[in-house]
Amino acid sequence: MSVDVDAGALACSDSTLVVTSRLSADALDMMLQQRTATCVQALLDVVFALPPAARSESGGVGVLVDLPPRIAQIPRALPPPPPAGTALTRWEQFAKAKGIVKKKKTRRVFDETTNKLKVRYGFDEKRDRSAVPDDWLIEVKNSPAAPAAATGADDDAYAIRAREKSARISKNKAQQRRNMLENPRSGLTPKEARAIHLKEQIKDTRKSTASIGKFDKKVAGEENVKFKRPKRKFDDVTGDAGQERAKVAKIVEKVNKVANPEGGVIATKAVAQVAQQKRSAQTKKHLVKGSHAARKNKR
């Protein structure tokens, strides 16, 4: 037997040729067990022959030794990481080229109106959400080269700005996801990163339809993903009568504001409705009396 021991990797190999066609299953199993025992014994002999480096204080571990350098070169599952400082993401490369330096913002800012420190974002923040925004006025170009949507022919400028902002946010999220996957420090190969990014893009396209891709044709190898929709809330049939009256009163108030923007009850309409109700009641009363008189005549 030619046994090669690599104490640095705690490995042992036997390169002796074995002809399995001449041996039965039981004989082959027995021979493999014997050679395995021989290799393990050779490895233990080499390890225990090393000089001791230290002894454990508690005494439960035993003698500690320093292993020699490895002889065999074991292949890696992933490519080796680049040296520190050389692996830059897309944003780091862009910031380095443009000279952008990251600055940490303070959590609290000074408010000149109240002369107090307030949080930048959140409860009791400096920004007044009820105030009119600075960009409330949008200039609409009337030049012949401007598209029809920008001139207000098909849509207003506020809706166009909202759609453009939504498109920018979606594009930014997709680029951020791609940059995270392509980051050399993520441990993914470029092929794996592209595959994950492509799957996420397919999910985004499915969300753009009203049925969330239920009736779309699936791509080969596409995963069946279930999207969670917000559950609709229905009012209880046997709910509180006070809440029901409040809802009806709110609807009536909205309708009244549309009919009478100044507020209050429209006097002319109210008087007309009362007069109509009185006339209908009198007419019904005369009809009832006439029917009784007709019945008496028949008798």
Protein backbone atom coordinates (compact mmCIF):
# COMPACT_ATOMS: atom_id res chain seq x y z
CA MET A 1 0.00 0.00 0.00
CA SER A 2 1.18 3.48 -0.90
CA VAL A 3 -0.35 5.84 1.66
CA ASP A 4 0.08 9.62 1.31
CA VAL A 5 -0.54 11.56 4.52
CA ASP A 6 -1.27 15.32 4.51
CA ALA A 7 -1.24 16.34 8.17
CA GLY A 8 -1.93 20.01 7.37
CA ALA A 9 -5.32 19.13 5.81
CA LEU A 10 -5.89 16.15 8.15
CA ALA A 11 -6.26 13.94 5.07
CA CYS A 12 -4.86 10.61 3.96
CA SER A 13 -5.11 8.95 0.54
CA ASP A 14 -4.31 5.49 -0.85
CA SER A 15 -3.38 5.44 -4.54
CA THR A 16 -3.24 1.63 -4.89
CA LEU A 17 -5.20 0.34 -7.89
CA VAL A 18 -8.25 -1.80 -7.08
CA VAL A 19 -9.78 -4.17 -9.66
CA THR A 20 -13.40 -4.44 -8.60
CA SER A 21 -14.35 -6.95 -11.34
CA ARG A 22 -12.33 -9.74 -9.67
CA LEU A 23 -13.84 -9.24 -6.22
CA SER A 24 -17.27 -9.99 -4.84
CA ALA A 25 -19.35 -7.42 -3.03
CA ASP A 26 -18.46 -8.76 0.43
CA ALA A 27 -14.74 -9.03 -0.39
CA LEU A 28 -14.69 -5.52 -1.80
CA ASP A 29 -16.40 -4.15 1.32
CA MET A 30 -13.95 -5.94 3.58
CA MET A 31 -10.93 -4.66 1.62
CA LEU A 32 -12.17 -1.03 1.71
CA GLN A 33 -12.67 -1.21 5.48
CA GLN A 34 -9.12 -2.53 5.96
CA ARG A 35 -7.57 0.17 3.79
CA THR A 36 -9.61 2.87 5.54
CA ALA A 37 -8.42 1.67 8.94
CA THR A 38 -4.83 1.66 7.67
CA CYS A 39 -5.10 5.26 6.34
CA VAL A 40 -6.67 6.54 9.58
CA GLN A 41 -3.99 4.85 11.66
CA ALA A 42 -1.23 6.38 9.49
CA LEU A 43 -2.75 9.84 9.85
CA LEU A 44 -3.04 9.51 13.63
CA ASP A 45 0.57 8.33 13.88
CA VAL A 46 1.78 11.42 12.03
CA VAL A 47 -0.39 13.84 14.05
CA PHE A 48 0.61 12.39 17.43
CA ALA A 49 4.26 12.54 16.39
CA LEU A 50 4.11 16.33 16.05
CA PRO A 51 5.66 18.39 18.86
CA PRO A 52 3.09 19.70 21.35
CA ALA A 53 2.45 23.45 21.17
CA ALA A 54 0.42 23.94 24.35
CA ARG A 55 -1.62 22.11 26.91
CA SER A 56 -5.17 23.07 27.83
CA GLU A 57 -5.67 24.69 31.24
CA SER A 58 -8.78 22.66 32.12
CA GLY A 59 -7.19 19.40 31.03
CA GLY A 60 -10.31 18.20 29.24
CA VAL A 61 -9.14 18.95 25.69
CA GLY A 62 -5.70 17.37 25.87
CA VAL A 63 -2.50 18.23 24.02
CA LEU A 64 -2.62 20.92 21.31
CA VAL A 65 -0.30 20.86 18.29
CA ASP A 66 0.40 23.18 15.35
CA LEU A 67 -0.39 21.52 12.02
CA PRO A 68 2.19 21.79 9.22
CA PRO A 69 1.38 23.56 5.93
CA ARG A 70 -0.92 21.76 3.51
CA ILE A 71 0.49 19.65 0.72
CA ALA A 72 -2.64 19.07 -1.37
CA GLN A 73 -4.37 22.06 -2.99
CA ILE A 74 -8.12 21.64 -2.48
CA PRO A 75 -10.23 23.53 -5.08
CA ARG A 76 -12.57 26.28 -3.91
CA ALA A 77 -16.34 26.20 -4.39
CA LEU A 78 -16.34 29.96 -5.16
CA PRO A 79 -13.70 32.21 -6.69
CA PRO A 80 -11.33 33.77 -4.14
CA PRO A 81 -12.36 37.20 -2.88
CA PRO A 82 -10.46 40.16 -4.31
CA PRO A 83 -7.97 41.99 -2.10
CA ALA A 84 -9.40 44.45 0.40
CA GLY A 85 -10.09 47.86 -1.10
CA THR A 86 -10.17 46.70 -4.74
CA ALA A 87 -13.73 45.27 -4.84
CA LEU A 88 -16.00 48.26 -5.39
CA THR A 89 -19.70 48.30 -6.09
CA ARG A 90 -21.26 50.34 -8.88
CA TRP A 91 -22.13 53.16 -6.52
CA GLU A 92 -18.65 53.16 -4.96
CA GLN A 93 -17.09 53.36 -8.42
CA PHE A 94 -19.43 56.22 -9.40
CA ALA A 95 -18.80 58.09 -6.14
CA LYS A 96 -15.05 57.68 -6.55
CA ALA A 97 -15.17 58.99 -10.12
CA LYS A 98 -17.35 61.98 -9.20
CA GLY A 99 -15.59 62.72 -5.92
CA ILE A 100 -18.68 62.16 -3.77
CA VAL A 101 -17.93 61.78 -0.07
CA LYS A 102 -20.53 60.22 2.22
CA LYS A 103 -21.55 62.53 5.04
CA LYS A 104 -23.56 61.37 8.02
CA LYS A 105 -26.56 63.60 8.76
CA THR A 106 -27.50 64.46 12.30
CA ARG A 107 -30.79 63.11 13.60
CA ARG A 108 -31.91 66.45 15.03
CA VAL A 109 -32.01 69.82 13.26
CA PHE A 110 -32.63 73.34 14.56
CA ASP A 111 -36.03 74.89 13.82
CA GLU A 112 -35.81 78.67 13.38
CA THR A 113 -39.53 79.24 13.96
CA THR A 114 -39.69 77.60 17.39
CA ASN A 115 -35.99 77.93 18.32
CA LYS A 116 -35.91 74.26 19.30
CA LEU A 117 -34.18 71.10 18.16
CA LYS A 118 -36.50 68.78 16.26
CA VAL A 119 -36.06 65.41 14.61
CA ARG A 120 -35.34 65.44 10.90
CA TYR A 121 -38.01 62.83 10.07
CA GLY A 122 -40.78 61.38 12.20
CA PHE A 123 -43.03 62.65 14.98
CA ASP A 124 -42.71 66.37 15.70
CA GLU A 125 -40.37 66.85 12.76
CA LYS A 126 -39.16 70.19 11.48
CA ARG A 127 -40.97 69.93 8.16
CA ASP A 128 -44.59 71.11 8.20
CA ARG A 129 -46.64 68.53 6.30
CA SER A 130 -49.73 70.77 6.25
CA ALA A 131 -47.86 73.59 4.52
CA VAL A 132 -48.18 74.18 0.80
CA PRO A 133 -45.24 72.53 -1.04
CA ASP A 134 -42.79 74.69 -2.97
CA ASP A 135 -43.45 72.86 -6.25
CA TRP A 136 -47.25 73.25 -6.19
CA LEU A 137 -47.13 75.32 -9.39
CA ILE A 138 -46.07 73.47 -12.56
CA GLU A 139 -45.28 75.36 -15.73
CA VAL A 140 -46.90 73.85 -18.83
CA LYS A 141 -45.06 74.45 -22.08
CA ASN A 142 -47.16 75.47 -25.07
CA SER A 143 -44.43 75.08 -27.66
CA PRO A 144 -45.23 73.00 -30.79
CA ALA A 145 -42.45 70.55 -29.95
CA ALA A 146 -44.01 69.67 -26.59
CA PRO A 147 -46.00 66.39 -26.45
CA ALA A 148 -49.76 66.39 -26.11
CA ALA A 149 -49.62 65.00 -22.56
CA ALA A 150 -47.35 67.84 -21.42
CA THR A 151 -49.70 70.54 -22.76
CA GLY A 152 -52.63 69.25 -20.74
CA ALA A 153 -54.56 67.91 -23.73
CA ASP A 154 -54.85 64.37 -22.41
CA ASP A 155 -53.72 64.63 -18.80
CA ASP A 156 -52.80 67.21 -16.20
CA ALA A 157 -49.24 68.04 -15.22
CA TYR A 158 -49.65 66.73 -11.65
CA ALA A 159 -50.60 63.24 -12.85
CA ILE A 160 -47.67 63.26 -15.30
CA ARG A 161 -45.29 64.22 -12.49
CA ALA A 162 -46.69 61.46 -10.24
CA ARG A 163 -46.22 58.84 -12.98
CA GLU A 164 -42.68 59.97 -13.68
CA LYS A 165 -41.84 59.83 -9.97
CA SER A 166 -43.28 56.31 -9.68
CA ALA A 167 -41.24 55.20 -12.71
CA ARG A 168 -38.06 56.68 -11.21
CA ILE A 169 -38.66 54.91 -7.89
CA SER A 170 -39.20 51.54 -9.64
CA LYS A 171 -36.07 52.02 -11.74
CA ASN A 172 -34.04 53.00 -8.68
CA LYS A 173 -35.18 49.91 -6.75
CA ALA A 174 -34.31 47.64 -9.68
CA GLN A 175 -30.85 49.19 -10.01
CA GLN A 176 -30.29 48.93 -6.25
CA ARG A 177 -31.21 45.22 -6.31
CA ARG A 178 -28.90 44.64 -9.28
CA ASN A 179 -26.00 46.45 -7.56
CA MET A 180 -26.45 44.40 -4.38
CA LEU A 181 -26.38 41.14 -6.35
CA GLU A 182 -23.39 42.19 -8.44
CA ASN A 183 -21.46 43.22 -5.34
CA PRO A 184 -18.26 41.11 -5.20
CA ARG A 185 -18.67 40.82 -1.43
CA SER A 186 -22.07 39.10 -1.79
CA GLY A 187 -20.46 35.73 -2.57
CA LEU A 188 -22.46 35.21 -5.79
CA THR A 189 -21.02 34.55 -9.21
CA PRO A 190 -22.05 36.95 -12.03
CA LYS A 191 -24.21 34.22 -13.58
CA GLU A 192 -26.10 33.60 -10.33
CA ALA A 193 -26.55 37.34 -9.76
CA ARG A 194 -28.00 37.82 -13.27
CA ALA A 195 -30.38 34.88 -12.76
CA ILE A 196 -31.72 36.28 -9.47
CA HIS A 197 -32.05 39.77 -10.96
CA LEU A 198 -33.96 38.38 -13.96
CA LYS A 199 -36.39 36.51 -11.68
CA GLU A 200 -37.09 39.70 -9.72
CA GLN A 201 -37.72 41.60 -12.96
CA ILE A 202 -40.23 38.95 -14.06
CA LYS A 203 -42.03 39.35 -10.73
CA ASP A 204 -42.19 43.12 -11.23
CA THR A 205 -43.72 42.70 -14.69
CA ARG A 206 -46.35 40.32 -13.31
CA LYS A 207 -47.35 42.86 -10.68
CA SER A 208 -48.02 45.46 -13.39
CA THR A 209 -51.13 43.66 -14.67
CA ALA A 210 -54.57 43.83 -13.04
CA SER A 211 -54.65 40.06 -12.48
CA ILE A 212 -51.03 40.04 -11.14
CA GLY A 213 -49.92 37.77 -13.97
CA LYS A 214 -52.56 35.10 -13.42
CA PHE A 215 -53.40 34.83 -17.12
CA ASP A 216 -49.92 35.63 -18.50
CA LYS A 217 -47.82 33.03 -20.27
CA LYS A 218 -45.04 31.74 -18.04
CA VAL A 219 -41.42 31.67 -19.09
CA ALA A 220 -39.57 28.36 -19.08
CA GLY A 221 -38.22 27.78 -15.59
CA GLU A 222 -40.30 30.55 -14.00
CA GLU A 223 -41.30 29.94 -10.41
CA ASN A 224 -44.94 29.97 -9.35
CA VAL A 225 -45.05 32.90 -6.93
CA LYS A 226 -48.18 33.83 -4.97
CA PHE A 227 -48.66 37.51 -4.31
CA LYS A 228 -50.53 38.60 -1.21
CA ARG A 229 -53.35 41.07 -1.78
CA PRO A 230 -54.82 43.24 0.95
CA LYS A 231 -57.99 41.67 2.28
CA ARG A 232 -61.19 43.58 1.77
CA LYS A 233 -62.97 44.59 4.95
CA PHE A 234 -66.76 44.40 5.06
CA ASP A 235 -68.94 45.98 7.69
CA ASP A 236 -70.78 43.72 10.07
CA VAL A 237 -74.45 43.21 9.19
CA THR A 238 -75.49 43.37 12.84
CA GLY A 239 -73.24 46.31 13.65
CA ASP A 240 -73.76 49.33 15.83
CA ALA A 241 -76.73 51.53 14.82
CA GLY A 242 -74.90 54.66 15.94
CA GLN A 243 -72.03 54.00 13.53
CA GLU A 244 -74.52 53.42 10.72
CA ARG A 245 -76.25 56.74 11.43
CA ALA A 246 -72.89 58.51 11.52
CA LYS A 247 -71.98 57.09 8.10
CA VAL A 248 -75.30 58.14 6.59
CA ALA A 249 -74.95 61.60 8.10
CA LYS A 250 -71.46 61.90 6.63
CA ILE A 251 -72.75 60.98 3.16
CA VAL A 252 -75.60 63.47 3.45
CA GLU A 253 -73.14 66.14 4.50
CA LYS A 254 -70.96 65.48 1.44
CA VAL A 255 -73.95 65.61 -0.91
CA ASN A 256 -75.14 68.82 0.74
CA LYS A 257 -71.72 70.41 0.26
CA VAL A 258 -71.83 69.58 -3.45
CA ALA A 259 -75.34 71.02 -3.81
CA ASN A 260 -74.73 73.97 -1.50
CA PRO A 261 -71.01 74.84 -1.14
CA GLU A 262 -71.78 77.60 1.36
CA GLY A 263 -72.98 75.03 3.86
CA GLY A 264 -76.22 74.65 5.79
CA VAL A 265 -79.60 73.55 4.49
CA ILE A 266 -81.05 75.02 1.30
CA ALA A 267 -84.28 76.68 2.50
CA THR A 268 -86.12 76.69 -0.84
CA LYS A 269 -85.52 72.99 -1.43
CA ALA A 270 -86.47 72.11 2.12
CA VAL A 271 -89.76 74.06 1.89
CA ALA A 272 -90.54 72.48 -1.48
CA GLN A 273 -89.95 68.99 -0.09
CA VAL A 274 -92.23 69.64 2.92
CA ALA A 275 -94.98 71.02 0.65
CA GLN A 276 -94.67 68.01 -1.64
CA GLN A 277 -94.99 65.65 1.32
CA LYS A 278 -98.15 67.46 2.49
CA ARG A 279 -99.73 67.32 -0.97
CA SER A 280 -98.98 63.62 -1.34
CA ALA A 281 -100.51 62.95 2.10
CA GLN A 282 -103.69 64.90 1.22
CA THR A 283 -104.02 63.14 -2.12
CA LYS A 284 -103.69 59.77 -0.44
CA LYS A 285 -106.34 60.75 2.11
CA HIS A 286 -108.84 61.75 -0.61
CA LEU A 287 -108.19 58.49 -2.46
CA VAL A 288 -108.92 56.48 0.68
CA LYS A 289 -112.19 58.39 1.30
CA GLY A 290 -113.29 57.88 -2.30
CA SER A 291 -112.69 54.16 -2.12
CA HIS A 292 -114.84 53.89 1.06
CA ALA A 293 -117.70 55.81 -0.58
CA ALA A 294 -117.59 53.56 -3.66
CA ARG A 295 -117.84 50.46 -1.48
CA LYS A 296 -120.96 51.84 0.33
CA ASN A 297 -122.72 52.61 -2.94
CA LYS A 298 -122.12 49.05 -4.16
CA ARG A 299 -123.70 47.65 -1.01
